[in-house]
Amino acid sequence: MSKQMERHELIGLQGEIIDAKNKKLIGIKGQIIDETQNLLTIKTETKAKKIIKNQVTMKIISKTKETTIEGKDLVGRPFERIKK
Protein backbone atom coordinates (compact mmCIF):
# COMPACT_ATOMS: atom_id res chain seq x y z
CA MET A 1 0.00 0.00 0.00
CA SER A 2 1.14 3.50 -0.74
CA LYS A 3 1.99 5.50 2.37
CA GLN A 4 1.20 8.62 0.36
CA MET A 5 -2.40 7.48 -0.21
CA GLU A 6 -2.74 6.52 3.47
CA ARG A 7 -2.08 10.17 4.34
CA HIS A 8 -4.30 11.53 1.59
CA GLU A 9 -7.70 13.13 2.20
CA LEU A 10 -10.21 10.45 1.19
CA ILE A 11 -13.38 12.53 1.08
CA GLY A 12 -14.32 13.16 -2.53
CA LEU A 13 -12.44 10.15 -3.92
CA GLN A 14 -14.06 7.07 -5.44
CA GLY A 15 -13.81 3.85 -3.46
CA GLU A 16 -14.75 0.21 -3.99
CA ILE A 17 -14.74 -2.57 -1.42
CA ILE A 18 -12.81 -5.52 -2.83
CA ASP A 19 -12.66 -7.71 0.30
CA ALA A 20 -14.47 -7.69 3.64
CA LYS A 21 -15.21 -9.80 6.70
CA ASN A 22 -18.89 -9.39 5.75
CA LYS A 23 -18.90 -10.70 2.18
CA LYS A 24 -22.14 -8.79 1.42
CA LEU A 25 -20.09 -5.57 1.44
CA ILE A 26 -17.84 -6.66 -1.44
CA GLY A 27 -18.60 -4.68 -4.57
CA ILE A 28 -19.98 -1.58 -2.85
CA LYS A 29 -18.59 1.39 -4.71
CA GLY A 30 -19.13 5.10 -4.87
CA GLN A 31 -17.85 8.43 -3.66
CA ILE A 32 -16.44 8.71 -0.14
CA ILE A 33 -18.49 11.51 1.44
CA ASP A 34 -17.48 11.31 5.12
CA GLU A 35 -14.83 9.82 7.36
CA THR A 36 -14.61 9.35 11.12
CA GLN A 37 -12.10 7.52 13.29
CA ASN A 38 -13.58 4.10 12.51
CA LEU A 39 -16.04 4.63 9.65
CA LEU A 40 -16.15 5.64 6.01
CA THR A 41 -19.42 6.76 4.42
CA ILE A 42 -19.72 5.85 0.76
CA LYS A 43 -22.45 7.35 -1.41
CA THR A 44 -23.61 4.64 -3.80
CA GLU A 45 -26.10 5.10 -6.64
CA THR A 46 -29.00 4.45 -4.27
CA LYS A 47 -27.94 5.55 -0.77
CA ALA A 48 -25.09 6.29 1.63
CA LYS A 49 -23.51 3.30 3.36
CA LYS A 50 -21.39 3.40 6.50
CA ILE A 51 -18.45 1.01 6.37
CA ILE A 52 -16.27 -0.03 9.33
CA LYS A 53 -12.70 0.66 8.24
CA ASN A 54 -10.88 -2.23 9.90
CA GLN A 55 -13.18 -4.84 8.33
CA VAL A 56 -12.54 -4.07 4.65
CA THR A 57 -9.94 -3.82 1.92
CA MET A 58 -10.65 -1.03 -0.53
CA LYS A 59 -9.58 0.16 -3.92
CA ILE A 60 -9.27 3.96 -3.85
CA ILE A 61 -9.34 5.77 -7.15
CA SER A 62 -7.83 9.25 -7.37
CA LYS A 63 -7.41 11.37 -10.48
CA THR A 64 -3.98 9.94 -11.22
CA LYS A 65 -3.91 6.42 -9.78
CA GLU A 66 -5.68 3.46 -8.24
CA THR A 67 -4.47 2.07 -4.90
CA THR A 68 -5.49 -0.87 -2.74
CA ILE A 69 -5.67 -0.01 0.97
CA GLU A 70 -6.28 -2.20 4.00
CA GLY A 71 -8.96 -0.47 6.06
CA LYS A 72 -7.05 -1.20 9.28
CA ASP A 73 -4.33 1.18 8.00
CA LEU A 74 -6.93 3.98 7.84
CA VAL A 75 -8.23 3.61 11.40
CA GLY A 76 -7.75 6.82 13.35
CA ARG A 77 -8.92 10.37 13.22
CA PRO A 78 -8.59 11.66 9.66
CA PHE A 79 -6.77 14.87 10.63
CA GLU A 80 -4.20 12.89 12.67
CA ARG A 81 -3.65 10.35 9.87
CA ILE A 82 -3.06 13.13 7.34
CA LYS A 83 -0.42 14.75 9.60
CA LYS A 84 1.69 11.55 9.89
PDB file of N, CA and C in Angstrom:
ATOM      1  N   MET A   1       0.833  -1.187   0.000  1.00  0.00           N
ATOM      2  CA  MET A   1       0.000   0.000   0.000  1.00  0.00           C
ATOM      3  C   MET A   1       0.877   1.250   0.000  1.00  0.00           C
ATOM      4  N   SER A   2       0.418   2.242  -0.642  1.00  0.00           N
ATOM      5  CA  SER A   2       1.142   3.497  -0.735  1.00  0.00           C
ATOM      6  C   SER A   2       0.964   4.317   0.530  1.00  0.00           C
ATOM      7  N   LYS A   3       2.059   4.649   1.181  1.00  0.00           N
ATOM      8  CA  LYS A   3       1.995   5.502   2.374  1.00  0.00           C
ATOM      9  C   LYS A   3       1.437   6.873   2.014  1.00  0.00           C
ATOM     10  N   GLN A   4       1.708   7.331   0.794  1.00  0.00           N
ATOM     11  CA  GLN A   4       1.200   8.625   0.360  1.00  0.00           C
ATOM     12  C   GLN A   4      -0.331   8.622   0.339  1.00  0.00           C
ATOM     13  N   MET A   5      -0.938   7.555  -0.154  1.00  0.00           N
ATOM     14  CA  MET A   5      -2.397   7.476  -0.208  1.00  0.00           C
ATOM     15  C   MET A   5      -2.983   7.345   1.192  1.00  0.00           C
ATOM     16  N   GLU A   6      -2.287   6.662   2.081  1.00  0.00           N
ATOM     17  CA  GLU A   6      -2.741   6.515   3.468  1.00  0.00           C
ATOM     18  C   GLU A   6      -2.878   7.880   4.134  1.00  0.00           C
ATOM     19  N   ARG A   7      -2.059   8.827   3.749  1.00  0.00           N
ATOM     20  CA  ARG A   7      -2.080  10.173   4.335  1.00  0.00           C
ATOM     21  C   ARG A   7      -2.969  11.134   3.569  1.00  0.00           C
ATOM     22  N   HIS A   8      -3.499  10.692   2.475  1.00  0.00           N
ATOM     23  CA  HIS A   8      -4.300  11.532   1.590  1.00  0.00           C
ATOM     24  C   HIS A   8      -5.696  11.751   2.160  1.00  0.00           C
ATOM     25  N   GLU A   9      -6.299  12.880   1.864  1.00  0.00           N
ATOM     26  CA  GLU A   9      -7.704  13.135   2.201  1.00  0.00           C
ATOM     27  C   GLU A   9      -8.555  12.229   1.323  1.00  0.00           C
ATOM     28  N   LEU A  10      -9.412  11.420   1.934  1.00  0.00           N
ATOM     29  CA  LEU A  10     -10.208  10.450   1.187  1.00  0.00           C
ATOM     30  C   LEU A  10     -11.549  11.000   0.734  1.00  0.00           C
ATOM     31  N   ILE A  11     -12.076  11.981   1.435  1.00  0.00           N
ATOM     32  CA  ILE A  11     -13.382  12.531   1.081  1.00  0.00           C
ATOM     33  C   ILE A  11     -13.316  13.120  -0.329  1.00  0.00           C
ATOM     34  N   GLY A  12     -14.261  12.698  -1.152  1.00  0.00           N
ATOM     35  CA  GLY A  12     -14.317  13.156  -2.535  1.00  0.00           C
ATOM     36  C   GLY A  12     -13.765  12.143  -3.523  1.00  0.00           C
ATOM     37  N   LEU A  13     -12.997  11.168  -3.035  1.00  0.00           N
ATOM     38  CA  LEU A  13     -12.439  10.146  -3.919  1.00  0.00           C
ATOM     39  C   LEU A  13     -13.442   9.016  -4.119  1.00  0.00           C
ATOM     40  N   GLN A  14     -13.244   8.251  -5.168  1.00  0.00           N
ATOM     41  CA  GLN A  14     -14.062   7.070  -5.436  1.00  0.00           C
ATOM     42  C   GLN A  14     -13.442   5.880  -4.717  1.00  0.00           C
ATOM     43  N   GLY A  15     -14.289   5.031  -4.150  1.00  0.00           N
ATOM     44  CA  GLY A  15     -13.807   3.846  -3.463  1.00  0.00           C
ATOM     45  C   GLY A  15     -14.652   2.634  -3.817  1.00  0.00           C
ATOM     46  N   GLU A  16     -14.034   1.466  -3.756  1.00  0.00           N
ATOM     47  CA  GLU A  16     -14.747   0.214  -3.988  1.00  0.00           C
ATOM     48  C   GLU A  16     -14.229  -0.821  -3.007  1.00  0.00           C
ATOM     49  N   ILE A  17     -15.133  -1.529  -2.348  1.00  0.00           N
ATOM     50  CA  ILE A  17     -14.736  -2.575  -1.415  1.00  0.00           C
ATOM     51  C   ILE A  17     -14.443  -3.839  -2.207  1.00  0.00           C
ATOM     52  N   ILE A  18     -13.204  -4.340  -2.061  1.00  0.00           N
ATOM     53  CA  ILE A  18     -12.806  -5.521  -2.829  1.00  0.00           C
ATOM     54  C   ILE A  18     -12.686  -6.764  -1.955  1.00  0.00           C
ATOM     55  N   ASP A  19     -12.655  -6.591  -0.619  1.00  0.00           N
ATOM     56  CA  ASP A  19     -12.655  -7.714   0.303  1.00  0.00           C
ATOM     57  C   ASP A  19     -13.200  -7.219   1.636  1.00  0.00           C
ATOM     58  N   ALA A  20     -13.889  -8.089   2.357  1.00  0.00           N
ATOM     59  CA  ALA A  20     -14.472  -7.692   3.639  1.00  0.00           C
ATOM     60  C   ALA A  20     -14.782  -8.915   4.477  1.00  0.00           C
ATOM     61  N   LYS A  21     -14.787  -8.724   5.807  1.00  0.00           N
ATOM     62  CA  LYS A  21     -15.208  -9.798   6.700  1.00  0.00           C
ATOM     63  C   LYS A  21     -16.651 -10.170   6.392  1.00  0.00           C
ATOM     64  N   ASN A  22     -17.502  -9.170   6.154  1.00  0.00           N
ATOM     65  CA  ASN A  22     -18.888  -9.389   5.750  1.00  0.00           C
ATOM     66  C   ASN A  22     -18.909  -9.392   4.222  1.00  0.00           C
ATOM     67  N   LYS A  23     -19.012 -10.556   3.638  1.00  0.00           N
ATOM     68  CA  LYS A  23     -18.905 -10.695   2.178  1.00  0.00           C
ATOM     69  C   LYS A  23     -19.993  -9.934   1.420  1.00  0.00           C
ATOM     70  N   LYS A  24     -21.081  -9.560   2.077  1.00  0.00           N
ATOM     71  CA  LYS A  24     -22.141  -8.791   1.424  1.00  0.00           C
ATOM     72  C   LYS A  24     -21.680  -7.373   1.070  1.00  0.00           C
ATOM     73  N   LEU A  25     -20.604  -6.916   1.703  1.00  0.00           N
ATOM     74  CA  LEU A  25     -20.091  -5.572   1.438  1.00  0.00           C
ATOM     75  C   LEU A  25     -19.233  -5.503   0.173  1.00  0.00           C
ATOM     76  N   ILE A  26     -18.721  -6.639  -0.267  1.00  0.00           N
ATOM     77  CA  ILE A  26     -17.841  -6.664  -1.441  1.00  0.00           C
ATOM     78  C   ILE A  26     -18.608  -6.161  -2.662  1.00  0.00           C
ATOM     79  N   GLY A  27     -17.989  -5.235  -3.370  1.00  0.00           N
ATOM     80  CA  GLY A  27     -18.599  -4.679  -4.568  1.00  0.00           C
ATOM     81  C   GLY A  27     -19.254  -3.325  -4.356  1.00  0.00           C
ATOM     82  N   ILE A  28     -19.426  -2.917  -3.094  1.00  0.00           N
ATOM     83  CA  ILE A  28     -19.983  -1.581  -2.851  1.00  0.00           C
ATOM     84  C   ILE A  28     -18.989  -0.563  -3.370  1.00  0.00           C
ATOM     85  N   LYS A  29     -19.486   0.370  -4.180  1.00  0.00           N
ATOM     86  CA  LYS A  29     -18.589   1.394  -4.706  1.00  0.00           C
ATOM     87  C   LYS A  29     -19.342   2.707  -4.836  1.00  0.00           C
ATOM     88  N   GLY A  30     -18.570   3.777  -4.759  1.00  0.00           N
ATOM     89  CA  GLY A  30     -19.133   5.105  -4.873  1.00  0.00           C
ATOM     90  C   GLY A  30     -18.170   6.137  -4.349  1.00  0.00           C
ATOM     91  N   GLN A  31     -18.680   7.320  -4.128  1.00  0.00           N
ATOM     92  CA  GLN A  31     -17.853   8.426  -3.657  1.00  0.00           C
ATOM     93  C   GLN A  31     -17.807   8.431  -2.133  1.00  0.00           C
ATOM     94  N   ILE A  32     -16.607   8.599  -1.587  1.00  0.00           N
ATOM     95  CA  ILE A  32     -16.445   8.711  -0.142  1.00  0.00           C
ATOM     96  C   ILE A  32     -16.887  10.118   0.245  1.00  0.00           C
ATOM     97  N   ILE A  33     -17.931  10.204   1.097  1.00  0.00           N
ATOM     98  CA  ILE A  33     -18.493  11.509   1.436  1.00  0.00           C
ATOM     99  C   ILE A  33     -18.235  11.917   2.888  1.00  0.00           C
ATOM    100  N   ASP A  34     -17.770  10.971   3.721  1.00  0.00           N
ATOM    101  CA  ASP A  34     -17.482  11.315   5.120  1.00  0.00           C
ATOM    102  C   ASP A  34     -16.519  10.283   5.683  1.00  0.00           C
ATOM    103  N   GLU A  35     -15.782  10.707   6.710  1.00  0.00           N
ATOM    104  CA  GLU A  35     -14.830   9.822   7.363  1.00  0.00           C
ATOM    105  C   GLU A  35     -14.756  10.186   8.828  1.00  0.00           C
ATOM    106  N   THR A  36     -14.827   9.166   9.692  1.00  0.00           N
ATOM    107  CA  THR A  36     -14.609   9.350  11.120  1.00  0.00           C
ATOM    108  C   THR A  36     -13.454   8.447  11.527  1.00  0.00           C
ATOM    109  N   GLN A  37     -13.203   8.340  12.813  1.00  0.00           N
ATOM    110  CA  GLN A  37     -12.097   7.517  13.286  1.00  0.00           C
ATOM    111  C   GLN A  37     -12.204   6.069  12.814  1.00  0.00           C
ATOM    112  N   ASN A  38     -13.409   5.514  12.835  1.00  0.00           N
ATOM    113  CA  ASN A  38     -13.576   4.100  12.507  1.00  0.00           C
ATOM    114  C   ASN A  38     -14.475   3.817  11.312  1.00  0.00           C
ATOM    115  N   LEU A  39     -15.076   4.843  10.719  1.00  0.00           N
ATOM    116  CA  LEU A  39     -16.043   4.629   9.653  1.00  0.00           C
ATOM    117  C   LEU A  39     -15.731   5.452   8.406  1.00  0.00           C
ATOM    118  N   LEU A  40     -16.106   4.896   7.260  1.00  0.00           N
ATOM    119  CA  LEU A  40     -16.150   5.644   6.012  1.00  0.00           C
ATOM    120  C   LEU A  40     -17.601   5.623   5.551  1.00  0.00           C
ATOM    121  N   THR A  41     -18.081   6.727   5.013  1.00  0.00           N
ATOM    122  CA  THR A  41     -19.416   6.756   4.423  1.00  0.00           C
ATOM    123  C   THR A  41     -19.240   6.875   2.925  1.00  0.00           C
ATOM    124  N   ILE A  42     -19.820   5.907   2.222  1.00  0.00           N
ATOM    125  CA  ILE A  42     -19.720   5.855   0.765  1.00  0.00           C
ATOM    126  C   ILE A  42     -21.100   6.092   0.171  1.00  0.00           C
ATOM    127  N   LYS A  43     -21.189   7.070  -0.723  1.00  0.00           N
ATOM    128  CA  LYS A  43     -22.453   7.350  -1.407  1.00  0.00           C
ATOM    129  C   LYS A  43     -22.510   6.488  -2.660  1.00  0.00           C
ATOM    130  N   THR A  44     -23.419   5.512  -2.643  1.00  0.00           N
ATOM    131  CA  THR A  44     -23.612   4.640  -3.801  1.00  0.00           C
ATOM    132  C   THR A  44     -24.665   5.278  -4.703  1.00  0.00           C
ATOM    133  N   GLU A  45     -25.069   4.575  -5.745  1.00  0.00           N
ATOM    134  CA  GLU A  45     -26.099   5.100  -6.640  1.00  0.00           C
ATOM    135  C   GLU A  45     -27.439   5.263  -5.937  1.00  0.00           C
ATOM    136  N   THR A  46     -27.692   4.429  -4.918  1.00  0.00           N
ATOM    137  CA  THR A  46     -29.005   4.455  -4.269  1.00  0.00           C
ATOM    138  C   THR A  46     -29.034   5.091  -2.895  1.00  0.00           C
ATOM    139  N   LYS A  47     -27.955   4.975  -2.113  1.00  0.00           N
ATOM    140  CA  LYS A  47     -27.940   5.552  -0.766  1.00  0.00           C
ATOM    141  C   LYS A  47     -26.525   5.610  -0.219  1.00  0.00           C
ATOM    142  N   ALA A  48     -26.390   6.222   0.960  1.00  0.00           N
ATOM    143  CA  ALA A  48     -25.090   6.292   1.627  1.00  0.00           C
ATOM    144  C   ALA A  48     -24.943   5.089   2.555  1.00  0.00           C
ATOM    145  N   LYS A  49     -23.775   4.457   2.520  1.00  0.00           N
ATOM    146  CA  LYS A  49     -23.510   3.296   3.357  1.00  0.00           C
ATOM    147  C   LYS A  49     -22.330   3.595   4.265  1.00  0.00           C
ATOM    148  N   LYS A  50     -22.474   3.248   5.537  1.00  0.00           N
ATOM    149  CA  LYS A  50     -21.385   3.403   6.500  1.00  0.00           C
ATOM    150  C   LYS A  50     -20.624   2.092   6.572  1.00  0.00           C
ATOM    151  N   ILE A  51     -19.315   2.181   6.431  1.00  0.00           N
ATOM    152  CA  ILE A  51     -18.448   1.013   6.370  1.00  0.00           C
ATOM    153  C   ILE A  51     -17.427   1.100   7.503  1.00  0.00           C
ATOM    154  N   ILE A  52     -17.278   0.012   8.267  1.00  0.00           N
ATOM    155  CA  ILE A  52     -16.272  -0.035   9.329  1.00  0.00           C
ATOM    156  C   ILE A  52     -14.906  -0.247   8.677  1.00  0.00           C
ATOM    157  N   LYS A  53     -13.995   0.675   8.925  1.00  0.00           N
ATOM    158  CA  LYS A  53     -12.698   0.664   8.243  1.00  0.00           C
ATOM    159  C   LYS A  53     -11.916  -0.638   8.425  1.00  0.00           C
ATOM    160  N   ASN A  54     -11.783  -1.107   9.666  1.00  0.00           N
ATOM    161  CA  ASN A  54     -10.880  -2.233   9.902  1.00  0.00           C
ATOM    162  C   ASN A  54     -11.449  -3.576   9.455  1.00  0.00           C
ATOM    163  N   GLN A  55     -12.601  -3.585   8.804  1.00  0.00           N
ATOM    164  CA  GLN A  55     -13.184  -4.839   8.328  1.00  0.00           C
ATOM    165  C   GLN A  55     -13.163  -4.980   6.809  1.00  0.00           C
ATOM    166  N   VAL A  56     -12.516  -4.035   6.112  1.00  0.00           N
ATOM    167  CA  VAL A  56     -12.544  -4.068   4.649  1.00  0.00           C
ATOM    168  C   VAL A  56     -11.172  -3.806   4.036  1.00  0.00           C
ATOM    169  N   THR A  57     -11.051  -4.216   2.787  1.00  0.00           N
ATOM    170  CA  THR A  57      -9.940  -3.823   1.919  1.00  0.00           C
ATOM    171  C   THR A  57     -10.586  -3.065   0.775  1.00  0.00           C
ATOM    172  N   MET A  58     -10.035  -1.897   0.475  1.00  0.00           N
ATOM    173  CA  MET A  58     -10.655  -1.026  -0.527  1.00  0.00           C
ATOM    174  C   MET A  58      -9.706  -0.691  -1.660  1.00  0.00           C
ATOM    175  N   LYS A  59     -10.309  -0.422  -2.793  1.00  0.00           N
ATOM    176  CA  LYS A  59      -9.580   0.157  -3.920  1.00  0.00           C
ATOM    177  C   LYS A  59      -9.991   1.625  -3.934  1.00  0.00           C
ATOM    178  N   ILE A  60      -9.027   2.513  -3.819  1.00  0.00           N
ATOM    179  CA  ILE A  60      -9.271   3.955  -3.847  1.00  0.00           C
ATOM    180  C   ILE A  60      -8.795   4.481  -5.190  1.00  0.00           C
ATOM    181  N   ILE A  61      -9.656   5.256  -5.826  1.00  0.00           N
ATOM    182  CA  ILE A  61      -9.338   5.766  -7.152  1.00  0.00           C
ATOM    183  C   ILE A  61      -9.237   7.284  -7.080  1.00  0.00           C
ATOM    184  N   SER A  62      -8.029   7.793  -7.313  1.00  0.00           N
ATOM    185  CA  SER A  62      -7.829   9.245  -7.367  1.00  0.00           C
ATOM    186  C   SER A  62      -7.728   9.636  -8.833  1.00  0.00           C
ATOM    187  N   LYS A  63      -7.496  10.899  -9.090  1.00  0.00           N
ATOM    188  CA  LYS A  63      -7.413  11.371 -10.479  1.00  0.00           C
ATOM    189  C   LYS A  63      -6.264  10.723 -11.240  1.00  0.00           C
ATOM    190  N   THR A  64      -5.174  10.415 -10.527  1.00  0.00           N
ATOM    191  CA  THR A  64      -3.978   9.937 -11.215  1.00  0.00           C
ATOM    192  C   THR A  64      -3.666   8.469 -11.019  1.00  0.00           C
ATOM    193  N   LYS A  65      -4.253   7.830  -9.978  1.00  0.00           N
ATOM    194  CA  LYS A  65      -3.914   6.421  -9.776  1.00  0.00           C
ATOM    195  C   LYS A  65      -4.973   5.673  -8.975  1.00  0.00           C
ATOM    196  N   GLU A  66      -4.801   4.376  -8.956  1.00  0.00           N
ATOM    197  CA  GLU A  66      -5.680   3.464  -8.241  1.00  0.00           C
ATOM    198  C   GLU A  66      -4.820   2.729  -7.217  1.00  0.00           C
ATOM    199  N   THR A  67      -5.264   2.679  -5.955  1.00  0.00           N
ATOM    200  CA  THR A  67      -4.469   2.072  -4.900  1.00  0.00           C
ATOM    201  C   THR A  67      -5.346   1.158  -4.057  1.00  0.00           C
ATOM    202  N   THR A  68      -4.797   0.021  -3.658  1.00  0.00           N
ATOM    203  CA  THR A  68      -5.490  -0.871  -2.736  1.00  0.00           C
ATOM    204  C   THR A  68      -5.016  -0.557  -1.323  1.00  0.00           C
ATOM    205  N   ILE A  69      -5.979  -0.394  -0.403  1.00  0.00           N
ATOM    206  CA  ILE A  69      -5.665  -0.013   0.972  1.00  0.00           C
ATOM    207  C   ILE A  69      -6.394  -0.946   1.931  1.00  0.00           C
ATOM    208  N   GLU A  70      -5.667  -1.447   2.914  1.00  0.00           N
ATOM    209  CA  GLU A  70      -6.277  -2.200   4.004  1.00  0.00           C
ATOM    210  C   GLU A  70      -6.953  -1.183   4.918  1.00  0.00           C
ATOM    211  N   GLY A  71      -8.214  -1.397   5.218  1.00  0.00           N
ATOM    212  CA  GLY A  71      -8.958  -0.473   6.059  1.00  0.00           C
ATOM    213  C   GLY A  71      -8.326  -0.270   7.426  1.00  0.00           C
ATOM    214  N   LYS A  72      -7.684  -1.324   7.958  1.00  0.00           N
ATOM    215  CA  LYS A  72      -7.046  -1.197   9.280  1.00  0.00           C
ATOM    216  C   LYS A  72      -5.944  -0.131   9.268  1.00  0.00           C
ATOM    217  N   ASP A  73      -5.360   0.147   8.102  1.00  0.00           N
ATOM    218  CA  ASP A  73      -4.333   1.184   7.998  1.00  0.00           C
ATOM    219  C   ASP A  73      -4.934   2.586   8.014  1.00  0.00           C
ATOM    220  N   LEU A  74      -6.247   2.682   7.856  1.00  0.00           N
ATOM    221  CA  LEU A  74      -6.930   3.979   7.835  1.00  0.00           C
ATOM    222  C   LEU A  74      -7.563   4.329   9.180  1.00  0.00           C
ATOM    223  N   VAL A  75      -7.582   3.362  10.117  1.00  0.00           N
ATOM    224  CA  VAL A  75      -8.228   3.611  11.404  1.00  0.00           C
ATOM    225  C   VAL A  75      -7.516   4.741  12.125  1.00  0.00           C
ATOM    226  N   GLY A  76      -8.281   5.660  12.642  1.00  0.00           N
ATOM    227  CA  GLY A  76      -7.752   6.823  13.350  1.00  0.00           C
ATOM    228  C   GLY A  76      -8.468   8.062  12.872  1.00  0.00           C
ATOM    229  N   ARG A  77      -8.286   9.117  13.601  1.00  0.00           N
ATOM    230  CA  ARG A  77      -8.915  10.373  13.216  1.00  0.00           C
ATOM    231  C   ARG A  77      -8.280  10.870  11.926  1.00  0.00           C
ATOM    232  N   PRO A  78      -9.119  11.266  10.970  1.00  0.00           N
ATOM    233  CA  PRO A  78      -8.591  11.662   9.658  1.00  0.00           C
ATOM    234  C   PRO A  78      -7.520  12.745   9.739  1.00  0.00           C
ATOM    235  N   PHE A  79      -7.737  13.778  10.565  1.00  0.00           N
ATOM    236  CA  PHE A  79      -6.770  14.868  10.632  1.00  0.00           C
ATOM    237  C   PHE A  79      -5.457  14.416  11.225  1.00  0.00           C
ATOM    238  N   GLU A  80      -5.455  13.419  12.112  1.00  0.00           N
ATOM    239  CA  GLU A  80      -4.204  12.887  12.667  1.00  0.00           C
ATOM    240  C   GLU A  80      -3.485  12.013  11.651  1.00  0.00           C
ATOM    241  N   ARG A  81      -4.250  11.226  10.890  1.00  0.00           N
ATOM    242  CA  ARG A  81      -3.654  10.352   9.875  1.00  0.00           C
ATOM    243  C   ARG A  81      -2.984  11.177   8.786  1.00  0.00           C
ATOM    244  N   ILE A  82      -3.605  12.277   8.403  1.00  0.00           N
ATOM    245  CA  ILE A  82      -3.064  13.125   7.341  1.00  0.00           C
ATOM    246  C   ILE A  82      -1.754  13.780   7.778  1.00  0.00           C
ATOM    247  N   LYS A  83      -1.627  14.091   9.080  1.00  0.00           N
ATOM    248  CA  LYS A  83      -0.421  14.751   9.595  1.00  0.00           C
ATOM    249  C   LYS A  83       0.789  13.828   9.693  1.00  0.00           C
ATOM    250  N   LYS A  84       0.581  12.506   9.709  1.00  0.00           N
ATOM    251  CA  LYS A  84       1.689  11.552   9.886  1.00  0.00           C
ATOM    252  C   LYS A  84       2.803  11.773   8.897  1.00  0.00           C
TER     253      LYS A  84
END
